[in-house]
Amino acid sequence: YGSPTCVITGRGNIINDNGTSFSSPLIAGMVACLWQALPQKTAKQIMKLVRLAGNNQHHPDNVFGYGVPDFWKAYQTGKAIK
């Protein structure tokens, strides 16, 4: 089960909906934005930043993985690491 989030319908309307099928496109878009903000980072570095910013990073598992990433935290960490 997913958490409600804002999505755009096929007709261009913004609605609140839920479902795990939204997770991949939303995370992919956020990762793209993070990489655009930190263009000097490699793909592996971006992946590590996202994992470290997860709310389950200390105990990743097969159900929740690394958890919900905090992309502001990932960005701040990425800016601090040269």
Protein backbone atom coordinates (compact mmCIF):
# COMPACT_ATOMS: atom_id res chain seq x y z
CA TYR A 1 0.00 0.00 0.00
CA GLY A 2 1.25 3.45 -0.79
CA SER A 3 0.86 6.79 0.88
CA PRO A 4 -1.25 9.47 -0.77
CA THR A 5 0.74 11.70 -3.07
CA CYS A 6 -0.01 14.28 -5.74
CA VAL A 7 0.08 12.88 -9.27
CA ILE A 8 -0.96 14.12 -12.70
CA THR A 9 -3.69 12.21 -14.51
CA GLY A 10 -3.66 11.38 -18.21
CA ARG A 11 -5.89 14.44 -18.75
CA GLY A 12 -3.45 16.74 -16.94
CA ASN A 13 -5.35 17.09 -13.68
CA ILE A 14 -3.52 16.96 -10.35
CA ILE A 15 -5.07 14.52 -7.89
CA ASN A 16 -4.16 12.78 -4.64
CA ASP A 17 -3.77 9.06 -5.18
CA ASN A 18 -1.83 6.20 -3.71
CA GLY A 19 -0.17 3.03 -4.83
CA THR A 20 3.28 1.57 -4.93
CA SER A 21 3.41 1.96 -8.72
CA PHE A 22 4.06 5.68 -8.18
CA SER A 23 7.22 5.08 -6.16
CA SER A 24 9.62 4.34 -9.02
CA PRO A 25 8.76 7.33 -11.21
CA LEU A 26 8.74 9.72 -8.24
CA ILE A 27 12.08 8.51 -6.90
CA ALA A 28 13.61 8.47 -10.39
CA GLY A 29 12.53 12.09 -10.88
CA MET A 30 13.94 13.13 -7.51
CA VAL A 31 17.22 11.31 -8.22
CA ALA A 32 17.44 13.14 -11.56
CA CYS A 33 16.92 16.47 -9.77
CA LEU A 34 19.56 15.56 -7.17
CA TRP A 35 22.07 14.64 -9.86
CA GLN A 36 21.31 17.85 -11.74
CA ALA A 37 22.04 19.78 -8.53
CA LEU A 38 25.26 17.80 -7.94
CA PRO A 39 26.57 17.21 -11.49
CA GLN A 40 30.12 16.50 -10.30
CA LYS A 41 28.95 13.32 -8.52
CA THR A 42 29.08 9.90 -10.16
CA ALA A 43 26.05 7.62 -10.44
CA LYS A 44 27.40 5.47 -7.60
CA GLN A 45 27.88 8.53 -5.39
CA ILE A 46 24.31 9.69 -6.06
CA MET A 47 22.98 6.22 -5.20
CA LYS A 48 24.95 6.24 -1.95
CA LEU A 49 23.64 9.70 -1.02
CA VAL A 50 20.05 8.55 -1.56
CA ARG A 51 20.60 5.41 0.53
CA LEU A 52 22.22 7.39 3.35
CA ALA A 53 19.26 9.79 3.35
CA GLY A 54 16.72 6.98 3.83
CA ASN A 55 14.74 6.85 7.06
CA ASN A 56 15.63 3.13 7.38
CA GLN A 57 19.30 3.46 6.40
CA HIS A 58 20.65 1.90 9.58
CA HIS A 59 18.60 -1.30 9.22
CA PRO A 60 17.70 -1.81 5.52
CA ASP A 61 15.48 -4.82 4.88
CA ASN A 62 13.62 -6.61 2.09
CA VAL A 63 10.32 -4.86 2.83
CA PHE A 64 11.23 -1.17 3.18
CA GLY A 65 14.78 -1.20 1.85
CA TYR A 66 16.59 1.95 2.96
CA GLY A 67 13.26 3.66 3.61
CA VAL A 68 11.91 6.96 2.33
CA PRO A 69 14.80 9.19 1.26
CA ASP A 70 15.07 12.78 2.44
CA PHE A 71 16.37 14.44 -0.72
CA TRP A 72 17.19 17.71 1.05
CA LYS A 73 19.43 15.72 3.41
CA ALA A 74 20.97 13.91 0.41
CA TYR A 75 21.65 17.26 -1.28
CA GLN A 76 23.16 18.82 1.85
CA THR A 77 25.37 15.77 2.41
CA GLY A 78 26.44 15.80 -1.23
CA LYS A 79 27.36 19.49 -1.07
CA ALA A 80 29.42 18.90 2.09
CA ILE A 81 31.39 15.98 0.63
CA LYS A 82 33.97 17.03 -1.95
